């Protein structure tokens, strides 16, 4: 049975499951990828994997619906992120995308992420600090749909950074992303990249209308449908008996002859269906 769990390693702690007991002190000092067997004579074992944003998305606590690696990879690629970039994100949710954005822009870059729910914002900030992202990720509680990104407007709360014209990319995962488009336009640099994630096509339509009104170009919407393939090594059995019978020789009618190990691949049947639509655009340079 394959399963994953995030574990904070301490020398005095241990990890217990139905396959055995695993003292943390036996993990310390081992290289990532090591296979460690349980104590007390049990036959259970675990692999020690290096923490990464990809793995974190698979084991994090779901405070909201999250983006998985299929959508995340497309987002990071089309936002054209690289070290040193500044990214604005709303809403933070469970922090799945936030971790991948941070990986893409360090060193030198920064992710400003906003969540309207105060408890979720506090939990996301706590996790980013625990994962060593405090210097590259800032989590704030703010209703971006209603108030927009901080742009130095009168009445802005004290300590809020003015983000006018400083962002290389903006990502929105909101119920009504079209409401945040005007604010995103103010914050993006010329030729900055915009992306919104929406589960419904009606949200996409309204967002595209708002993007056109505010000078965005190169609008594109796509949908990521992930289908895994199974790749394995097996011995194939070829029916050479008929070929031998047809030419009067061969294997004397032998029905099946196994070959050596062959690598085979075929699509798995449980393909993941619709998650949402990704809408991309660029801020007009002018």
C-alpha atoms as a PDB file:
ATOM      1  CA  UNK A   1       0.000   0.000   0.000  1.00  0.00           C
ATOM      2  CA  UNK A   2       1.458   3.374  -1.036  1.00  0.00           C
ATOM      3  CA  UNK A   3       0.719   6.396   1.143  1.00  0.00           C
ATOM      4  CA  UNK A   4       2.524   9.568   2.176  1.00  0.00           C
ATOM      5  CA  UNK A   5       2.611  11.596   5.350  1.00  0.00           C
ATOM      6  CA  UNK A   6       4.426  14.781   6.302  1.00  0.00           C
ATOM      7  CA  UNK A   7       6.541  14.224   9.417  1.00  0.00           C
ATOM      8  CA  UNK A   8       8.530  16.783  11.417  1.00  0.00           C
ATOM      9  CA  UNK A   9      11.531  14.795  12.606  1.00  0.00           C
ATOM     10  CA  UNK A  10      12.635  15.018  16.234  1.00  0.00           C
ATOM     11  CA  UNK A  11      15.132  12.699  17.857  1.00  0.00           C
ATOM     12  CA  UNK A  12      12.764  11.965  20.764  1.00  0.00           C
ATOM     13  CA  UNK A  13       9.701  11.196  18.623  1.00  0.00           C
ATOM     14  CA  UNK A  14       8.599   8.200  16.622  1.00  0.00           C
ATOM     15  CA  UNK A  15       6.211   7.478  13.774  1.00  0.00           C
ATOM     16  CA  UNK A  16       3.711   4.647  14.309  1.00  0.00           C
ATOM     17  CA  UNK A  17       1.387   3.019  11.820  1.00  0.00           C
ATOM     18  CA  UNK A  18      -0.061  -0.444  11.219  1.00  0.00           C
ATOM     19  CA  UNK A  19       3.175  -1.530   9.566  1.00  0.00           C
ATOM     20  CA  UNK A  20       5.334  -0.893  12.614  1.00  0.00           C
ATOM     21  CA  UNK A  21       7.074   1.693  14.750  1.00  0.00           C
ATOM     22  CA  UNK A  22       9.745   4.012  13.358  1.00  0.00           C
ATOM     23  CA  UNK A  23      11.895   5.972  15.848  1.00  0.00           C
ATOM     24  CA  UNK A  24      12.928   9.317  14.374  1.00  0.00           C
ATOM     25  CA  UNK A  25      16.434   8.986  15.781  1.00  0.00           C
ATOM     26  CA  UNK A  26      17.055   6.179  13.278  1.00  0.00           C
ATOM     27  CA  UNK A  27      16.139   8.523  10.397  1.00  0.00           C
ATOM     28  CA  UNK A  28      18.452  11.363  11.363  1.00  0.00           C
ATOM     29  CA  UNK A  29      21.609  11.424   9.250  1.00  0.00           C
ATOM     30  CA  UNK A  30      20.275   9.143   6.519  1.00  0.00           C
ATOM     31  CA  UNK A  31      20.187  10.495   2.944  1.00  0.00           C
ATOM     32  CA  UNK A  32      16.837  11.250   1.319  1.00  0.00           C
ATOM     33  CA  UNK A  33      15.538   8.245  -0.584  1.00  0.00           C
ATOM     34  CA  UNK A  34      16.674   5.785   2.076  1.00  0.00           C
ATOM     35  CA  UNK A  35      14.494   2.780   2.857  1.00  0.00           C
ATOM     36  CA  UNK A  36      14.118   2.399   6.619  1.00  0.00           C
ATOM     37  CA  UNK A  37      12.614  -0.659   8.284  1.00  0.00           C
ATOM     38  CA  UNK A  38      10.481  -0.581  11.407  1.00  0.00           C
ATOM     39  CA  UNK A  39      11.764  -1.590  14.805  1.00  0.00           C
ATOM     40  CA  UNK A  40      10.498  -4.456  16.980  1.00  0.00           C
ATOM     41  CA  UNK A  41      11.055  -7.044  14.288  1.00  0.00           C
ATOM     42  CA  UNK A  42       8.171  -5.965  12.064  1.00  0.00           C
ATOM     43  CA  UNK A  43       8.535  -6.104   8.273  1.00  0.00           C
ATOM     44  CA  UNK A  44       7.153  -2.635   7.552  1.00  0.00           C
ATOM     45  CA  UNK A  45       9.304   0.025   5.923  1.00  0.00           C
ATOM     46  CA  UNK A  46       9.178   3.633   4.748  1.00  0.00           C
ATOM     47  CA  UNK A  47      11.067   5.728   2.209  1.00  0.00           C
ATOM     48  CA  UNK A  48      12.446   9.044   3.476  1.00  0.00           C
ATOM     49  CA  UNK A  49      11.579  11.597   0.785  1.00  0.00           C
ATOM     50  CA  UNK A  50      12.935  15.123   0.484  1.00  0.00           C
ATOM     51  CA  UNK A  51      10.223  17.736   1.102  1.00  0.00           C
ATOM     52  CA  UNK A  52       9.092  19.563  -2.026  1.00  0.00           C
ATOM     53  CA  UNK A  53       6.069  21.655  -3.110  1.00  0.00           C
ATOM     54  CA  UNK A  54       4.880  18.731  -5.255  1.00  0.00           C
ATOM     55  CA  UNK A  55       4.805  16.329  -2.311  1.00  0.00           C
ATOM     56  CA  UNK A  56       3.360  18.962   0.015  1.00  0.00           C
ATOM     57  CA  UNK A  57       0.344  19.309  -2.295  1.00  0.00           C
ATOM     58  CA  UNK A  58      -0.337  15.595  -1.784  1.00  0.00           C
ATOM     59  CA  UNK A  59      -0.143  15.553   2.028  1.00  0.00           C
ATOM     60  CA  UNK A  60      -1.264  18.997   3.204  1.00  0.00           C
ATOM     61  CA  UNK A  61      -4.330  19.613   5.329  1.00  0.00           C
ATOM     62  CA  UNK A  62      -7.213  20.613   3.067  1.00  0.00           C
ATOM     63  CA  UNK A  63      -8.738  23.847   4.314  1.00  0.00           C
ATOM     64  CA  UNK A  64     -10.142  24.425   0.817  1.00  0.00           C
ATOM     65  CA  UNK A  65     -10.103  22.725  -2.572  1.00  0.00           C
ATOM     66  CA  UNK A  66      -6.549  22.865  -3.903  1.00  0.00           C
ATOM     67  CA  UNK A  67      -4.654  22.913  -7.179  1.00  0.00           C
ATOM     68  CA  UNK A  68      -2.603  19.825  -7.978  1.00  0.00           C
ATOM     69  CA  UNK A  69       0.598  19.519  -9.961  1.00  0.00           C
ATOM     70  CA  UNK A  70      -1.117  19.199 -13.373  1.00  0.00           C
ATOM     71  CA  UNK A  71      -2.656  22.676 -13.085  1.00  0.00           C
ATOM     72  CA  UNK A  72       0.219  24.110 -11.045  1.00  0.00           C
ATOM     73  CA  UNK A  73       2.827  23.242 -13.668  1.00  0.00           C
ATOM     74  CA  UNK A  74       0.813  24.994 -16.388  1.00  0.00           C
ATOM     75  CA  UNK A  75       0.295  28.061 -14.182  1.00  0.00           C
ATOM     76  CA  UNK A  76       3.991  28.441 -13.314  1.00  0.00           C
ATOM     77  CA  UNK A  77       5.042  27.927 -16.935  1.00  0.00           C
ATOM     78  CA  UNK A  78       2.602  30.370 -18.525  1.00  0.00           C
ATOM     79  CA  UNK A  79       3.196  33.037 -15.878  1.00  0.00           C
ATOM     80  CA  UNK A  80       6.833  32.901 -17.047  1.00  0.00           C
ATOM     81  CA  UNK A  81       8.166  32.851 -13.496  1.00  0.00           C
ATOM     82  CA  UNK A  82      11.868  32.904 -12.745  1.00  0.00           C
ATOM     83  CA  UNK A  83      14.119  33.816  -9.797  1.00  0.00           C
ATOM     84  CA  UNK A  84      13.604  37.441  -8.790  1.00  0.00           C
ATOM     85  CA  UNK A  85       9.973  37.729  -9.904  1.00  0.00           C
ATOM     86  CA  UNK A  86       7.247  39.254  -7.734  1.00  0.00           C
ATOM     87  CA  UNK A  87       3.938  37.370  -7.724  1.00  0.00           C
ATOM     88  CA  UNK A  88       0.539  38.319  -6.276  1.00  0.00           C
ATOM     89  CA  UNK A  89      -1.859  35.517  -5.350  1.00  0.00           C
ATOM     90  CA  UNK A  90      -5.467  35.508  -4.114  1.00  0.00           C
ATOM     91  CA  UNK A  91      -6.782  33.396  -2.446  1.00  0.00           C
ATOM     92  CA  UNK A  92      -4.244  31.435  -0.559  1.00  0.00           C
ATOM     93  CA  UNK A  93      -6.564  28.633   0.552  1.00  0.00           C
ATOM     94  CA  UNK A  94      -4.546  25.626   1.688  1.00  0.00           C
ATOM     95  CA  UNK A  95      -1.256  27.004   0.309  1.00  0.00           C
ATOM     96  CA  UNK A  96      -0.701  24.340  -2.344  1.00  0.00           C
ATOM     97  CA  UNK A  97       0.081  26.744  -5.192  1.00  0.00           C
ATOM     98  CA  UNK A  98       1.823  29.200  -2.857  1.00  0.00           C
ATOM     99  CA  UNK A  99       4.665  26.753  -2.209  1.00  0.00           C
ATOM    100  CA  UNK A 100       5.242  26.148  -5.931  1.00  0.00           C
ATOM    101  CA  UNK A 101       5.175  29.884  -6.675  1.00  0.00           C
ATOM    102  CA  UNK A 102       7.800  30.453  -3.987  1.00  0.00           C
ATOM    103  CA  UNK A 103      10.041  27.740  -5.431  1.00  0.00           C
ATOM    104  CA  UNK A 104       9.813  29.343  -8.872  1.00  0.00           C
ATOM    105  CA  UNK A 105      10.813  32.878  -7.784  1.00  0.00           C
ATOM    106  CA  UNK A 106      13.600  32.254  -5.255  1.00  0.00           C
ATOM    107  CA  UNK A 107      16.219  33.483  -4.829  1.00  0.00           C
ATOM    108  CA  UNK A 108      15.457  37.181  -4.946  1.00  0.00           C
ATOM    109  CA  UNK A 109      11.736  36.974  -5.679  1.00  0.00           C
ATOM    110  CA  UNK A 110       8.680  37.273  -3.461  1.00  0.00           C
ATOM    111  CA  UNK A 111       5.119  35.963  -3.261  1.00  0.00           C
ATOM    112  CA  UNK A 112       2.431  38.228  -1.782  1.00  0.00           C
ATOM    113  CA  UNK A 113      -0.555  36.004  -1.122  1.00  0.00           C
ATOM    114  CA  UNK A 114      -3.947  37.138   0.214  1.00  0.00           C
ATOM    115  CA  UNK A 115      -6.760  35.151   1.855  1.00  0.00           C
ATOM    116  CA  UNK A 116     -10.074  36.678   2.923  1.00  0.00           C
ATOM    117  CA  UNK A 117     -10.629  34.118   5.721  1.00  0.00           C
ATOM    118  CA  UNK A 118      -8.565  35.160   8.748  1.00  0.00           C
ATOM    119  CA  UNK A 119      -8.087  31.671  10.215  1.00  0.00           C
ATOM    120  CA  UNK A 120      -6.984  30.207   6.896  1.00  0.00           C
ATOM    121  CA  UNK A 121      -4.569  33.094   6.408  1.00  0.00           C
ATOM    122  CA  UNK A 122      -3.063  32.498   9.849  1.00  0.00           C
ATOM    123  CA  UNK A 123      -2.673  28.752   9.204  1.00  0.00           C
ATOM    124  CA  UNK A 124      -1.034  29.370   5.823  1.00  0.00           C
ATOM    125  CA  UNK A 125       1.382  31.888   7.337  1.00  0.00           C
ATOM    126  CA  UNK A 126       2.289  29.413  10.081  1.00  0.00           C
ATOM    127  CA  UNK A 127       3.010  26.664   7.551  1.00  0.00           C
ATOM    128  CA  UNK A 128       5.132  28.924   5.341  1.00  0.00           C
ATOM    129  CA  UNK A 129       7.211  29.955   8.349  1.00  0.00           C
ATOM    130  CA  UNK A 130       7.660  26.312   9.397  1.00  0.00           C
ATOM    131  CA  UNK A 131       8.822  25.436   5.867  1.00  0.00           C
ATOM    132  CA  UNK A 132      11.444  28.161   5.746  1.00  0.00           C
ATOM    133  CA  UNK A 133       9.529  30.466   3.387  1.00  0.00           C
ATOM    134  CA  UNK A 134       9.163  33.457   5.689  1.00  0.00           C
ATOM    135  CA  UNK A 135      11.661  35.477   3.654  1.00  0.00           C
ATOM    136  CA  UNK A 136      10.002  34.795   0.308  1.00  0.00           C
ATOM    137  CA  UNK A 137       6.278  34.596   1.121  1.00  0.00           C
ATOM    138  CA  UNK A 138       4.058  37.174   2.804  1.00  0.00           C
ATOM    139  CA  UNK A 139       0.566  36.001   3.797  1.00  0.00           C
ATOM    140  CA  UNK A 140      -2.094  38.603   4.591  1.00  0.00           C
ATOM    141  CA  UNK A 141      -5.793  38.555   5.355  1.00  0.00           C
ATOM    142  CA  UNK A 142      -7.709  40.693   2.824  1.00  0.00           C
ATOM    143  CA  UNK A 143     -10.857  40.486   0.685  1.00  0.00           C
ATOM    144  CA  UNK A 144      -9.353  41.102  -2.747  1.00  0.00           C
ATOM    145  CA  UNK A 145     -12.705  40.941  -4.548  1.00  0.00           C
ATOM    146  CA  UNK A 146     -14.044  43.859  -2.545  1.00  0.00           C
ATOM    147  CA  UNK A 147     -10.908  45.872  -1.785  1.00  0.00           C
ATOM    148  CA  UNK A 148      -8.443  44.874  -4.487  1.00  0.00           C
ATOM    149  CA  UNK A 149      -4.704  44.510  -3.978  1.00  0.00           C
ATOM    150  CA  UNK A 150      -2.990  47.186  -1.841  1.00  0.00           C
ATOM    151  CA  UNK A 151      -2.325  50.142  -4.147  1.00  0.00           C
ATOM    152  CA  UNK A 152      -1.642  52.979  -1.719  1.00  0.00           C
ATOM    153  CA  UNK A 153      -5.251  54.152  -1.646  1.00  0.00           C
ATOM    154  CA  UNK A 154      -6.425  56.502   1.139  1.00  0.00           C
ATOM    155  CA  UNK A 155      -7.516  54.611   4.228  1.00  0.00           C
ATOM    156  CA  UNK A 156      -5.164  51.666   3.608  1.00  0.00           C
ATOM    157  CA  UNK A 157      -4.260  49.920   6.849  1.00  0.00           C
ATOM    158  CA  UNK A 158      -0.896  50.717   8.356  1.00  0.00           C
ATOM    159  CA  UNK A 159       1.987  48.498   7.285  1.00  0.00           C
ATOM    160  CA  UNK A 160       0.335  47.317   4.054  1.00  0.00           C
ATOM    161  CA  UNK A 161       2.846  47.431   1.179  1.00  0.00           C
ATOM    162  CA  UNK A 162       1.905  49.471  -1.904  1.00  0.00           C
ATOM    163  CA  UNK A 163       2.015  46.976  -4.769  1.00  0.00           C
ATOM    164  CA  UNK A 164       1.256  49.416  -7.591  1.00  0.00           C
ATOM    165  CA  UNK A 165       3.265  48.516 -10.695  1.00  0.00           C
ATOM    166  CA  UNK A 166       5.572  46.043  -8.928  1.00  0.00           C
ATOM    167  CA  UNK A 167       4.165  42.635  -9.892  1.00  0.00           C
ATOM    168  CA  UNK A 168       5.491  40.416 -12.664  1.00  0.00           C
ATOM    169  CA  UNK A 169       2.507  38.077 -12.387  1.00  0.00           C
ATOM    170  CA  UNK A 170      -0.921  37.829 -10.753  1.00  0.00           C
ATOM    171  CA  UNK A 171      -2.869  34.658  -9.974  1.00  0.00           C
ATOM    172  CA  UNK A 172      -6.526  34.658  -8.900  1.00  0.00           C
ATOM    173  CA  UNK A 173      -8.523  31.757  -7.451  1.00  0.00           C
ATOM    174  CA  UNK A 174     -11.712  33.587  -6.481  1.00  0.00           C
ATOM    175  CA  UNK A 175     -15.475  33.116  -6.875  1.00  0.00           C
ATOM    176  CA  UNK A 176     -15.678  36.360  -8.890  1.00  0.00           C
ATOM    177  CA  UNK A 177     -12.226  36.992 -10.382  1.00  0.00           C
ATOM    178  CA  UNK A 178     -13.547  39.698 -12.730  1.00  0.00           C
ATOM    179  CA  UNK A 179     -13.954  41.986  -9.702  1.00  0.00           C
ATOM    180  CA  UNK A 180     -10.189  41.875  -9.053  1.00  0.00           C
ATOM    181  CA  UNK A 181      -9.095  42.521 -12.654  1.00  0.00           C
ATOM    182  CA  UNK A 182      -8.929  46.356 -12.315  1.00  0.00           C
ATOM    183  CA  UNK A 183      -6.683  46.038  -9.256  1.00  0.00           C
ATOM    184  CA  UNK A 184      -4.521  43.427 -10.979  1.00  0.00           C
ATOM    185  CA  UNK A 185      -4.038  45.812 -13.912  1.00  0.00           C
ATOM    186  CA  UNK A 186      -2.744  48.514 -11.545  1.00  0.00           C
ATOM    187  CA  UNK A 187      -0.261  46.171  -9.890  1.00  0.00           C
ATOM    188  CA  UNK A 188       1.188  44.497 -12.976  1.00  0.00           C
ATOM    189  CA  UNK A 189       4.241  45.809 -14.755  1.00  0.00           C
ATOM    190  CA  UNK A 190       4.024  46.293 -18.543  1.00  0.00           C
ATOM    191  CA  UNK A 191       3.854  42.874 -20.204  1.00  0.00           C
ATOM    192  CA  UNK A 192       3.081  41.294 -16.822  1.00  0.00           C
ATOM    193  CA  UNK A 193       1.258  37.958 -16.836  1.00  0.00           C
ATOM    194  CA  UNK A 194      -2.235  37.274 -15.486  1.00  0.00           C
ATOM    195  CA  UNK A 195      -3.887  33.946 -14.648  1.00  0.00           C
ATOM    196  CA  UNK A 196      -7.196  33.011 -13.044  1.00  0.00           C
ATOM    197  CA  UNK A 197      -8.525  29.585 -12.079  1.00  0.00           C
ATOM    198  CA  UNK A 198     -12.295  29.095 -12.362  1.00  0.00           C
ATOM    199  CA  UNK A 199     -14.361  25.898 -12.213  1.00  0.00           C
ATOM    200  CA  UNK A 200     -17.241  27.365 -14.271  1.00  0.00           C
ATOM    201  CA  UNK A 201     -17.190  28.721 -17.814  1.00  0.00           C
ATOM    202  CA  UNK A 202     -19.473  31.624 -16.832  1.00  0.00           C
ATOM    203  CA  UNK A 203     -16.702  32.884 -14.543  1.00  0.00           C
ATOM    204  CA  UNK A 204     -14.282  32.679 -17.452  1.00  0.00           C
ATOM    205  CA  UNK A 205     -16.576  34.713 -19.711  1.00  0.00           C
ATOM    206  CA  UNK A 206     -16.959  37.564 -17.232  1.00  0.00           C
ATOM    207  CA  UNK A 207     -13.223  37.551 -16.469  1.00  0.00           C
ATOM    208  CA  UNK A 208     -12.314  37.764 -20.172  1.00  0.00           C
ATOM    209  CA  UNK A 209     -14.699  40.690 -20.645  1.00  0.00           C
ATOM    210  CA  UNK A 210     -13.072  42.517 -17.733  1.00  0.00           C
ATOM    211  CA  UNK A 211      -9.572  41.746 -19.044  1.00  0.00           C
ATOM    212  CA  UNK A 212     -10.386  43.248 -22.449  1.00  0.00           C
ATOM    213  CA  UNK A 213     -11.839  46.387 -20.846  1.00  0.00           C
ATOM    214  CA  UNK A 214      -8.632  46.931 -18.864  1.00  0.00           C
ATOM    215  CA  UNK A 215      -6.143  46.597 -21.695  1.00  0.00           C
ATOM    216  CA  UNK A 216      -5.086  42.961 -21.487  1.00  0.00           C
ATOM    217  CA  UNK A 217      -4.126  41.072 -24.630  1.00  0.00           C
ATOM    218  CA  UNK A 218      -3.301  37.513 -25.714  1.00  0.00           C
ATOM    219  CA  UNK A 219      -6.228  36.016 -23.809  1.00  0.00           C
ATOM    220  CA  UNK A 220      -6.215  32.219 -23.684  1.00  0.00           C
ATOM    221  CA  UNK A 221      -8.221  29.673 -21.717  1.00  0.00           C
ATOM    222  CA  UNK A 222      -7.249  26.030 -21.290  1.00  0.00           C
ATOM    223  CA  UNK A 223      -8.297  22.982 -19.312  1.00  0.00           C
ATOM    224  CA  UNK A 224      -5.843  20.425 -17.921  1.00  0.00           C
ATOM    225  CA  UNK A 225      -7.022  16.822 -18.036  1.00  0.00           C
ATOM    226  CA  UNK A 226      -4.495  14.525 -16.375  1.00  0.00           C
ATOM    227  CA  UNK A 227      -4.244  10.895 -17.458  1.00  0.00           C
ATOM    228  CA  UNK A 228      -1.563   8.692 -15.950  1.00  0.00           C
ATOM    229  CA  UNK A 229       0.188   5.920 -17.862  1.00  0.00           C
ATOM    230  CA  UNK A 230       1.334   2.632 -16.376  1.00  0.00           C
ATOM    231  CA  UNK A 231       4.853   1.598 -17.435  1.00  0.00           C
ATOM    232  CA  UNK A 232       6.132  -1.831 -16.428  1.00  0.00           C
ATOM    233  CA  UNK A 233       8.395  -4.685 -17.443  1.00  0.00           C
ATOM    234  CA  UNK A 234       6.786  -8.014 -18.317  1.00  0.00           C
ATOM    235  CA  UNK A 235       7.320 -11.143 -20.377  1.00  0.00           C
ATOM    236  CA  UNK A 236       5.090 -11.148 -23.445  1.00  0.00           C
ATOM    237  CA  UNK A 237       3.716 -14.337 -24.953  1.00  0.00           C
ATOM    238  CA  UNK A 238       3.652 -14.345 -28.752  1.00  0.00           C
ATOM    239  CA  UNK A 239       1.499 -16.793 -30.677  1.00  0.00           C
ATOM    240  CA  UNK A 240       4.110 -18.299 -32.997  1.00  0.00           C
ATOM    241  CA  UNK A 241       2.279 -21.576 -33.393  1.00  0.00           C
ATOM    242  CA  UNK A 242       0.100 -20.383 -36.260  1.00  0.00           C
ATOM    243  CA  UNK A 243       3.064 -18.904 -38.093  1.00  0.00           C
ATOM    244  CA  UNK A 244       4.912 -22.199 -37.810  1.00  0.00           C
ATOM    245  CA  UNK A 245       1.930 -24.193 -39.004  1.00  0.00           C
ATOM    246  CA  UNK A 246       1.469 -21.921 -41.995  1.00  0.00           C
ATOM    247  CA  UNK A 247       4.948 -22.443 -43.439  1.00  0.00           C
ATOM    248  CA  UNK A 248       5.305 -26.108 -42.641  1.00  0.00           C
ATOM    249  CA  UNK A 249       7.872 -25.729 -39.910  1.00  0.00           C
ATOM    250  CA  UNK A 250       8.688 -23.337 -37.115  1.00  0.00           C
ATOM    251  CA  UNK A 251       7.738 -24.446 -33.647  1.00  0.00           C
ATOM    252  CA  UNK A 252       5.626 -27.409 -34.668  1.00  0.00           C
ATOM    253  CA  UNK A 253       2.361 -25.819 -33.593  1.00  0.00           C
ATOM    254  CA  UNK A 254       3.553 -24.618 -30.204  1.00  0.00           C
ATOM    255  CA  UNK A 255       0.811 -22.243 -28.999  1.00  0.00           C
ATOM    256  CA  UNK A 256       2.759 -19.660 -27.068  1.00  0.00           C
ATOM    257  CA  UNK A 257       6.403 -18.668 -26.736  1.00  0.00           C
ATOM    258  CA  UNK A 258       7.394 -16.234 -23.968  1.00  0.00           C
ATOM    259  CA  UNK A 259       9.816 -13.498 -24.881  1.00  0.00           C
ATOM    260  CA  UNK A 260      12.405 -11.833 -22.708  1.00  0.00           C
ATOM    261  CA  UNK A 261      11.416  -8.903 -20.465  1.00  0.00           C
ATOM    262  CA  UNK A 262       9.747  -6.119 -22.465  1.00  0.00           C
ATOM    263  CA  UNK A 263       8.783  -2.610 -21.369  1.00  0.00           C
ATOM    264  CA  UNK A 264       5.067  -2.021 -21.919  1.00  0.00           C
ATOM    265  CA  UNK A 265       2.885   1.030 -21.338  1.00  0.00           C
ATOM    266  CA  UNK A 266      -0.830   1.690 -21.380  1.00  0.00           C
ATOM    267  CA  UNK A 267      -3.147   4.462 -20.097  1.00  0.00           C
ATOM    268  CA  UNK A 268      -4.783   3.944 -16.718  1.00  0.00           C
ATOM    269  CA  UNK A 269      -8.568   3.928 -16.696  1.00  0.00           C
ATOM    270  CA  UNK A 270      -9.100   6.247 -13.710  1.00  0.00           C
ATOM    271  CA  UNK A 271      -8.226   9.505 -15.480  1.00  0.00           C
ATOM    272  CA  UNK A 272      -8.859  12.662 -13.441  1.00  0.00           C
ATOM    273  CA  UNK A 273     -11.625  14.757 -14.992  1.00  0.00           C
ATOM    274  CA  UNK A 274     -12.398  18.460 -15.007  1.00  0.00           C
ATOM    275  CA  UNK A 275     -10.857  20.582 -12.269  1.00  0.00           C
ATOM    276  CA  UNK A 276     -11.160  24.092 -13.650  1.00  0.00           C
ATOM    277  CA  UNK A 277     -10.367  26.494 -16.458  1.00  0.00           C
ATOM    278  CA  UNK A 278      -7.113  28.450 -16.531  1.00  0.00           C
ATOM    279  CA  UNK A 279      -7.371  31.857 -18.208  1.00  0.00           C
ATOM    280  CA  UNK A 280      -4.129  33.633 -19.142  1.00  0.00           C
ATOM    281  CA  UNK A 281      -3.509  37.175 -20.416  1.00  0.00           C
ATOM    282  CA  UNK A 282      -0.745  39.779 -20.711  1.00  0.00           C
ATOM    283  CA  UNK A 283      -0.882  43.443 -19.732  1.00  0.00           C
ATOM    284  CA  UNK A 284      -0.630  45.628 -22.814  1.00  0.00           C
ATOM    285  CA  UNK A 285       2.627  47.540 -23.191  1.00  0.00           C
ATOM    286  CA  UNK A 286       1.630  51.059 -24.044  1.00  0.00           C
END
